[in-house]
Amino acid sequence: MKFKYYGHSAFSLSDEAGTTILFDPFIQDNPWTKVSPEDIACQYIFVSHGHGDHYGDTEIIAKTQQALVISTAEIAALSGAHGCKNHALHIGGSWNFPFGRITLTPALHGSGISGGLACGCIVEFAGKRIYYAGDTGLFSDMKLVSRFGPIDCAILPIGDNFTMGIEDAALAASWIRPKFVVPVHYGTWPMVDQDPKRYKELTETKYDIPVQIITPGTEYTF
């Protein structure tokens, strides 16, 4: 599986067959990103919540690529009202897609849309189980994320101010016990300007969980 990082919380996962899931596609206004939304190929888009730095360019990419938007009912309805294909889920719900399975998990954060909830997800794809926390604070139910099987990769925010900071994200990793962690949602603006190297050192030294820092604009294969 390839993890391509666009910066902030925008990334994609691709398997060897060419299936790509794009997550929280904040592209045009993302200072890390040097590509256009129209140039990003994917078949699926997962959106964790409706804030502009996550919903971002969902509509442009979904319509250009004829991609399916997967999110909460409110986000699915918003994208559908703008002509996008969509599949609505809600917290605790799962669905089997052609690529695998997605389960929506809680996230402690604003929804960015009236009546909605923020979420994360567990993705079963290409023989891997990946937990994307979305924007969230630390909460004890993260201890239950691996209840259906070990997590291969946890993708956790570390930027503080709007989400978990470094210390809480390290503790979250210790509860989830993934094979490794990828930190996201940092360095985009001064308010989230945290050092991923400090997160890596803390998480690996204190909790013995590997951390893979991925430079925006690059890919990592696992």
C-alpha atoms as a PDB file:
ATOM      1  CA  MET A   1       0.000   0.000   0.000  1.00  0.00           C
ATOM      2  CA  LYS A   2       1.153   3.520  -0.792  1.00  0.00           C
ATOM      3  CA  PHE A   3       0.537   6.455   1.531  1.00  0.00           C
ATOM      4  CA  LYS A   4       0.791   9.773  -0.317  1.00  0.00           C
ATOM      5  CA  TYR A   5       0.879  12.849   1.925  1.00  0.00           C
ATOM      6  CA  TYR A   6      -0.367  16.207   0.671  1.00  0.00           C
ATOM      7  CA  GLY A   7       0.249  17.974   3.985  1.00  0.00           C
ATOM      8  CA  HIS A   8      -2.022  18.930   6.895  1.00  0.00           C
ATOM      9  CA  SER A   9      -4.532  16.027   7.069  1.00  0.00           C
ATOM     10  CA  ALA A  10      -4.806  15.392   3.327  1.00  0.00           C
ATOM     11  CA  PHE A  11      -3.452  12.036   2.189  1.00  0.00           C
ATOM     12  CA  SER A  12      -4.319   9.067   0.030  1.00  0.00           C
ATOM     13  CA  LEU A  13      -3.979   5.296   0.288  1.00  0.00           C
ATOM     14  CA  SER A  14      -3.504   3.240  -2.883  1.00  0.00           C
ATOM     15  CA  ASP A  15      -3.256  -0.499  -3.442  1.00  0.00           C
ATOM     16  CA  GLU A  16      -1.360  -2.405  -6.127  1.00  0.00           C
ATOM     17  CA  ALA A  17      -4.513  -2.724  -8.255  1.00  0.00           C
ATOM     18  CA  GLY A  18      -4.733   1.065  -8.606  1.00  0.00           C
ATOM     19  CA  THR A  19      -7.582   1.754  -6.180  1.00  0.00           C
ATOM     20  CA  THR A  20      -7.076   5.053  -4.341  1.00  0.00           C
ATOM     21  CA  ILE A  21      -8.934   6.474  -1.351  1.00  0.00           C
ATOM     22  CA  LEU A  22      -8.347  10.189  -0.758  1.00  0.00           C
ATOM     23  CA  PHE A  23      -8.792  11.531   2.771  1.00  0.00           C
ATOM     24  CA  ASP A  24      -9.780  15.068   3.809  1.00  0.00           C
ATOM     25  CA  PRO A  25      -8.776  16.696   0.497  1.00  0.00           C
ATOM     26  CA  PHE A  26      -7.700  20.178   1.579  1.00  0.00           C
ATOM     27  CA  ILE A  27      -5.642  21.011  -1.525  1.00  0.00           C
ATOM     28  CA  GLN A  28      -6.058  24.483  -3.098  1.00  0.00           C
ATOM     29  CA  ASP A  29      -5.477  26.524   0.068  1.00  0.00           C
ATOM     30  CA  ASN A  30      -3.063  24.055   1.637  1.00  0.00           C
ATOM     31  CA  PRO A  31       0.376  25.734   1.873  1.00  0.00           C
ATOM     32  CA  TRP A  32       2.079  22.319   1.710  1.00  0.00           C
ATOM     33  CA  THR A  33       0.469  21.290  -1.572  1.00  0.00           C
ATOM     34  CA  LYS A  34       1.719  22.076  -5.052  1.00  0.00           C
ATOM     35  CA  VAL A  35      -0.841  20.133  -7.105  1.00  0.00           C
ATOM     36  CA  SER A  36      -4.257  21.115  -8.435  1.00  0.00           C
ATOM     37  CA  PRO A  37      -7.370  19.333  -7.187  1.00  0.00           C
ATOM     38  CA  GLU A  38      -8.246  18.357 -10.765  1.00  0.00           C
ATOM     39  CA  ASP A  39      -4.966  16.442 -11.073  1.00  0.00           C
ATOM     40  CA  ILE A  40      -5.591  14.106  -8.119  1.00  0.00           C
ATOM     41  CA  ALA A  41      -6.862  10.705  -9.251  1.00  0.00           C
ATOM     42  CA  CYS A  42      -9.016   8.635  -6.891  1.00  0.00           C
ATOM     43  CA  GLN A  43     -12.138   6.517  -6.840  1.00  0.00           C
ATOM     44  CA  TYR A  44     -13.176   7.280  -3.247  1.00  0.00           C
ATOM     45  CA  ILE A  45     -12.992  10.292  -0.930  1.00  0.00           C
ATOM     46  CA  PHE A  46     -13.342  10.034   2.840  1.00  0.00           C
ATOM     47  CA  VAL A  47     -14.235  13.237   4.713  1.00  0.00           C
ATOM     48  CA  SER A  48     -13.938  13.314   8.504  1.00  0.00           C
ATOM     49  CA  HIS A  49     -15.883  16.554   9.063  1.00  0.00           C
ATOM     50  CA  GLY A  50     -17.020  19.774   7.433  1.00  0.00           C
ATOM     51  CA  HIS A  51     -14.321  22.292   8.362  1.00  0.00           C
ATOM     52  CA  GLY A  52     -12.725  23.895   5.329  1.00  0.00           C
ATOM     53  CA  ASP A  53      -9.296  22.374   6.002  1.00  0.00           C
ATOM     54  CA  HIS A  54     -10.852  18.894   5.690  1.00  0.00           C
ATOM     55  CA  TYR A  55     -13.875  19.108   3.383  1.00  0.00           C
ATOM     56  CA  GLY A  56     -11.683  21.346   1.246  1.00  0.00           C
ATOM     57  CA  ASP A  57     -11.822  20.425  -2.436  1.00  0.00           C
ATOM     58  CA  THR A  58     -14.097  17.415  -2.035  1.00  0.00           C
ATOM     59  CA  GLU A  59     -16.647  18.627  -4.575  1.00  0.00           C
ATOM     60  CA  ILE A  60     -14.145  19.543  -7.300  1.00  0.00           C
ATOM     61  CA  ILE A  61     -12.273  16.248  -7.033  1.00  0.00           C
ATOM     62  CA  ALA A  62     -15.371  14.076  -6.645  1.00  0.00           C
ATOM     63  CA  LYS A  63     -16.976  15.525  -9.770  1.00  0.00           C
ATOM     64  CA  THR A  64     -13.774  15.513 -11.826  1.00  0.00           C
ATOM     65  CA  GLN A  65     -12.954  11.901 -10.918  1.00  0.00           C
ATOM     66  CA  GLN A  66     -16.534  10.625 -10.517  1.00  0.00           C
ATOM     67  CA  ALA A  67     -15.361   9.529  -7.068  1.00  0.00           C
ATOM     68  CA  LEU A  68     -17.665   8.349  -4.297  1.00  0.00           C
ATOM     69  CA  VAL A  69     -17.736  10.599  -1.207  1.00  0.00           C
ATOM     70  CA  ILE A  70     -17.890   8.586   2.033  1.00  0.00           C
ATOM     71  CA  SER A  71     -18.732  10.449   5.229  1.00  0.00           C
ATOM     72  CA  THR A  72     -21.412  11.163   7.807  1.00  0.00           C
ATOM     73  CA  ALA A  73     -24.963  11.623   6.597  1.00  0.00           C
ATOM     74  CA  GLU A  74     -24.709  15.413   6.781  1.00  0.00           C
ATOM     75  CA  ILE A  75     -21.464  15.640   4.780  1.00  0.00           C
ATOM     76  CA  ALA A  76     -22.774  13.086   2.282  1.00  0.00           C
ATOM     77  CA  ALA A  77     -25.909  15.169   1.816  1.00  0.00           C
ATOM     78  CA  LEU A  78     -23.864  18.361   1.375  1.00  0.00           C
ATOM     79  CA  SER A  79     -21.712  16.779  -1.320  1.00  0.00           C
ATOM     80  CA  GLY A  80     -24.771  15.226  -2.955  1.00  0.00           C
ATOM     81  CA  ALA A  81     -26.455  18.633  -3.145  1.00  0.00           C
ATOM     82  CA  HIS A  82     -23.463  19.756  -5.216  1.00  0.00           C
ATOM     83  CA  GLY A  83     -23.696  16.863  -7.645  1.00  0.00           C
ATOM     84  CA  CYS A  84     -21.328  14.345  -6.032  1.00  0.00           C
ATOM     85  CA  LYS A  85     -21.903  10.619  -5.675  1.00  0.00           C
ATOM     86  CA  ASN A  86     -21.975   9.771  -1.980  1.00  0.00           C
ATOM     87  CA  HIS A  87     -22.414   7.101   0.650  1.00  0.00           C
ATOM     88  CA  ALA A  88     -23.665   8.115   4.102  1.00  0.00           C
ATOM     89  CA  LEU A  89     -22.531   6.386   7.288  1.00  0.00           C
ATOM     90  CA  HIS A  90     -22.672   7.349  10.953  1.00  0.00           C
ATOM     91  CA  ILE A  91     -20.666   6.724  14.103  1.00  0.00           C
ATOM     92  CA  GLY A  92     -20.344   2.999  14.800  1.00  0.00           C
ATOM     93  CA  GLY A  93     -21.657   2.044  11.370  1.00  0.00           C
ATOM     94  CA  SER A  94     -19.712   0.022   8.791  1.00  0.00           C
ATOM     95  CA  TRP A  95     -20.099  -0.729   5.104  1.00  0.00           C
ATOM     96  CA  ASN A  96     -18.378  -3.087   2.673  1.00  0.00           C
ATOM     97  CA  PHE A  97     -17.166  -1.284  -0.436  1.00  0.00           C
ATOM     98  CA  PRO A  98     -15.499  -2.898  -3.476  1.00  0.00           C
ATOM     99  CA  PHE A  99     -12.077  -2.075  -1.986  1.00  0.00           C
ATOM    100  CA  GLY A 100     -12.826  -3.283   1.556  1.00  0.00           C
ATOM    101  CA  ARG A 101     -14.583  -1.984   4.657  1.00  0.00           C
ATOM    102  CA  ILE A 102     -14.930   1.358   6.461  1.00  0.00           C
ATOM    103  CA  THR A 103     -16.195   1.783  10.028  1.00  0.00           C
ATOM    104  CA  LEU A 104     -16.905   5.285  11.353  1.00  0.00           C
ATOM    105  CA  THR A 105     -15.386   6.046  14.759  1.00  0.00           C
ATOM    106  CA  PRO A 106     -16.028   8.920  17.159  1.00  0.00           C
ATOM    107  CA  ALA A 107     -13.915  12.076  17.164  1.00  0.00           C
ATOM    108  CA  LEU A 108     -14.080  14.828  19.769  1.00  0.00           C
ATOM    109  CA  HIS A 109     -14.218  17.896  17.558  1.00  0.00           C
ATOM    110  CA  GLY A 110     -16.629  20.291  15.869  1.00  0.00           C
ATOM    111  CA  SER A 111     -18.531  18.985  12.871  1.00  0.00           C
ATOM    112  CA  GLY A 112     -18.308  22.078  10.691  1.00  0.00           C
ATOM    113  CA  ILE A 113     -21.875  21.451   9.530  1.00  0.00           C
ATOM    114  CA  SER A 114     -25.259  21.961  11.164  1.00  0.00           C
ATOM    115  CA  GLY A 115     -26.535  18.871  12.963  1.00  0.00           C
ATOM    116  CA  GLY A 116     -23.435  16.820  12.185  1.00  0.00           C
ATOM    117  CA  LEU A 117     -20.684  15.051  14.084  1.00  0.00           C
ATOM    118  CA  ALA A 118     -16.960  14.829  13.441  1.00  0.00           C
ATOM    119  CA  CYS A 119     -15.614  11.324  12.944  1.00  0.00           C
ATOM    120  CA  GLY A 120     -12.599   9.165  12.266  1.00  0.00           C
ATOM    121  CA  CYS A 121     -12.555   5.759  10.634  1.00  0.00           C
ATOM    122  CA  ILE A 122     -11.119   2.286  10.570  1.00  0.00           C
ATOM    123  CA  VAL A 123     -10.281   1.289   6.998  1.00  0.00           C
ATOM    124  CA  GLU A 124      -9.750  -2.336   5.987  1.00  0.00           C
ATOM    125  CA  PHE A 125      -7.995  -2.111   2.641  1.00  0.00           C
ATOM    126  CA  ALA A 126      -5.327  -4.075   0.751  1.00  0.00           C
ATOM    127  CA  GLY A 127      -4.932  -6.525   3.614  1.00  0.00           C
ATOM    128  CA  LYS A 128      -4.251  -3.738   6.146  1.00  0.00           C
ATOM    129  CA  ARG A 129      -6.277  -2.220   8.972  1.00  0.00           C
ATOM    130  CA  ILE A 130      -5.734   1.527   9.300  1.00  0.00           C
ATOM    131  CA  TYR A 131      -7.140   3.894  11.916  1.00  0.00           C
ATOM    132  CA  TYR A 132      -7.487   7.522  10.899  1.00  0.00           C
ATOM    133  CA  ALA A 133      -8.474   9.537  13.959  1.00  0.00           C
ATOM    134  CA  GLY A 134      -9.533  12.694  12.097  1.00  0.00           C
ATOM    135  CA  ASP A 135      -9.426  15.892  14.136  1.00  0.00           C
ATOM    136  CA  THR A 136      -9.871  14.876  17.752  1.00  0.00           C
ATOM    137  CA  GLY A 137      -8.864  15.281  21.335  1.00  0.00           C
ATOM    138  CA  LEU A 138      -7.767  12.298  23.376  1.00  0.00           C
ATOM    139  CA  PHE A 139     -10.594  10.030  24.553  1.00  0.00           C
ATOM    140  CA  SER A 140     -10.477   6.700  26.327  1.00  0.00           C
ATOM    141  CA  ASP A 141     -12.511   4.787  23.727  1.00  0.00           C
ATOM    142  CA  MET A 142      -9.389   4.838  21.560  1.00  0.00           C
ATOM    143  CA  LYS A 143      -8.488   1.766  23.640  1.00  0.00           C
ATOM    144  CA  LEU A 144     -11.267  -0.079  21.757  1.00  0.00           C
ATOM    145  CA  VAL A 145     -10.105   0.740  18.229  1.00  0.00           C
ATOM    146  CA  SER A 146      -8.283  -2.587  17.894  1.00  0.00           C
ATOM    147  CA  ARG A 147     -11.234  -4.668  19.118  1.00  0.00           C
ATOM    148  CA  PHE A 148     -11.736  -6.216  15.668  1.00  0.00           C
ATOM    149  CA  GLY A 149      -8.047  -6.893  15.065  1.00  0.00           C
ATOM    150  CA  PRO A 150      -4.619  -5.268  15.314  1.00  0.00           C
ATOM    151  CA  ILE A 151      -4.143  -1.839  13.746  1.00  0.00           C
ATOM    152  CA  ASP A 152      -1.364  -1.784  11.161  1.00  0.00           C
ATOM    153  CA  CYS A 153      -1.116   2.011  10.997  1.00  0.00           C
ATOM    154  CA  ALA A 154      -2.639   4.786  13.117  1.00  0.00           C
ATOM    155  CA  ILE A 155      -2.828   8.249  11.550  1.00  0.00           C
ATOM    156  CA  LEU A 156      -3.032  10.754  14.397  1.00  0.00           C
ATOM    157  CA  PRO A 157      -3.174  14.560  14.643  1.00  0.00           C
ATOM    158  CA  ILE A 158      -0.405  16.139  16.737  1.00  0.00           C
ATOM    159  CA  GLY A 159      -0.824  19.877  16.095  1.00  0.00           C
ATOM    160  CA  ASP A 160      -2.407  20.859  19.437  1.00  0.00           C
ATOM    161  CA  ASN A 161      -4.727  23.896  19.823  1.00  0.00           C
ATOM    162  CA  PHE A 162      -7.510  22.335  17.658  1.00  0.00           C
ATOM    163  CA  THR A 163      -6.645  18.641  18.262  1.00  0.00           C
ATOM    164  CA  MET A 164      -4.437  16.452  20.412  1.00  0.00           C
ATOM    165  CA  GLY A 165      -0.948  17.745  21.007  1.00  0.00           C
ATOM    166  CA  ILE A 166       2.230  15.710  21.075  1.00  0.00           C
ATOM    167  CA  GLU A 167       1.861  14.251  24.586  1.00  0.00           C
ATOM    168  CA  ASP A 168      -1.781  13.215  24.157  1.00  0.00           C
ATOM    169  CA  ALA A 169      -1.142  11.800  20.685  1.00  0.00           C
ATOM    170  CA  ALA A 170       1.710   9.709  22.105  1.00  0.00           C
ATOM    171  CA  LEU A 171      -0.583   8.401  24.849  1.00  0.00           C
ATOM    172  CA  ALA A 172      -3.237   7.651  22.208  1.00  0.00           C
ATOM    173  CA  ALA A 173      -0.678   5.567  20.323  1.00  0.00           C
ATOM    174  CA  SER A 174       0.036   3.594  23.492  1.00  0.00           C
ATOM    175  CA  TRP A 175      -3.670   2.771  23.800  1.00  0.00           C
ATOM    176  CA  ILE A 176      -4.142   1.858  20.120  1.00  0.00           C
ATOM    177  CA  ARG A 177      -0.893  -0.173  19.874  1.00  0.00           C
ATOM    178  CA  PRO A 178      -0.500   0.052  16.064  1.00  0.00           C
ATOM    179  CA  LYS A 179       2.493  -1.340  14.231  1.00  0.00           C
ATOM    180  CA  PHE A 180       3.398   2.282  13.522  1.00  0.00           C
ATOM    181  CA  VAL A 181       1.995   5.819  13.617  1.00  0.00           C
ATOM    182  CA  VAL A 182       1.930   8.540  10.972  1.00  0.00           C
ATOM    183  CA  PRO A 183       1.514  12.045  12.475  1.00  0.00           C
ATOM    184  CA  VAL A 184      -0.619  14.602  10.603  1.00  0.00           C
ATOM    185  CA  HIS A 185      -2.307  17.990  11.151  1.00  0.00           C
ATOM    186  CA  TYR A 186       0.800  19.926  12.135  1.00  0.00           C
ATOM    187  CA  GLY A 187       2.996  22.717  10.784  1.00  0.00           C
ATOM    188  CA  THR A 188       0.403  24.253   8.489  1.00  0.00           C
ATOM    189  CA  TRP A 189      -0.091  27.452  10.505  1.00  0.00           C
ATOM    190  CA  PRO A 190       1.550  28.902  13.634  1.00  0.00           C
ATOM    191  CA  MET A 191      -1.249  27.600  15.883  1.00  0.00           C
ATOM    192  CA  VAL A 192      -0.471  23.983  14.919  1.00  0.00           C
ATOM    193  CA  ASP A 193       3.280  24.362  14.509  1.00  0.00           C
ATOM    194  CA  GLN A 194       4.413  21.225  16.337  1.00  0.00           C
ATOM    195  CA  ASP A 195       7.612  19.252  15.662  1.00  0.00           C
ATOM    196  CA  PRO A 196       6.969  15.703  14.386  1.00  0.00           C
ATOM    197  CA  LYS A 197      10.525  14.741  15.357  1.00  0.00           C
ATOM    198  CA  ARG A 198       9.707  15.479  18.989  1.00  0.00           C
ATOM    199  CA  TYR A 199       6.561  13.362  18.650  1.00  0.00           C
ATOM    200  CA  LYS A 200       8.579  10.528  17.148  1.00  0.00           C
ATOM    201  CA  GLU A 201      11.164  10.643  19.935  1.00  0.00           C
ATOM    202  CA  LEU A 202       8.542  10.686  22.700  1.00  0.00           C
ATOM    203  CA  THR A 203       6.355   7.937  21.233  1.00  0.00           C
ATOM    204  CA  GLU A 204       9.227   5.618  20.417  1.00  0.00           C
ATOM    205  CA  THR A 205      11.161   6.197  23.639  1.00  0.00           C
ATOM    206  CA  LYS A 206       8.285   6.179  26.126  1.00  0.00           C
ATOM    207  CA  TYR A 207       5.883   3.740  24.468  1.00  0.00           C
ATOM    208  CA  ASP A 208       8.071   1.729  22.056  1.00  0.00           C
ATOM    209  CA  ILE A 209       5.790   2.398  19.073  1.00  0.00           C
ATOM    210  CA  PRO A 210       7.469   3.313  15.760  1.00  0.00           C
ATOM    211  CA  VAL A 211       6.594   6.641  14.153  1.00  0.00           C
ATOM    212  CA  GLN A 212       6.960   7.263  10.424  1.00  0.00           C
ATOM    213  CA  ILE A 213       7.269  10.949   9.519  1.00  0.00           C
ATOM    214  CA  ILE A 214       6.206  11.502   5.905  1.00  0.00           C
ATOM    215  CA  THR A 215       7.273  14.701   4.185  1.00  0.00           C
ATOM    216  CA  PRO A 216       4.395  16.484   2.403  1.00  0.00           C
ATOM    217  CA  GLY A 217       4.513  15.797  -1.318  1.00  0.00           C
ATOM    218  CA  THR A 218       6.115  12.361  -0.900  1.00  0.00           C
ATOM    219  CA  GLU A 219       4.937   8.755  -0.775  1.00  0.00           C
ATOM    220  CA  TYR A 220       5.633   5.992   1.725  1.00  0.00           C
ATOM    221  CA  THR A 221       5.092   2.317   0.894  1.00  0.00           C
ATOM    222  CA  PHE A 222       4.179  -0.224   3.556  1.00  0.00           C
END
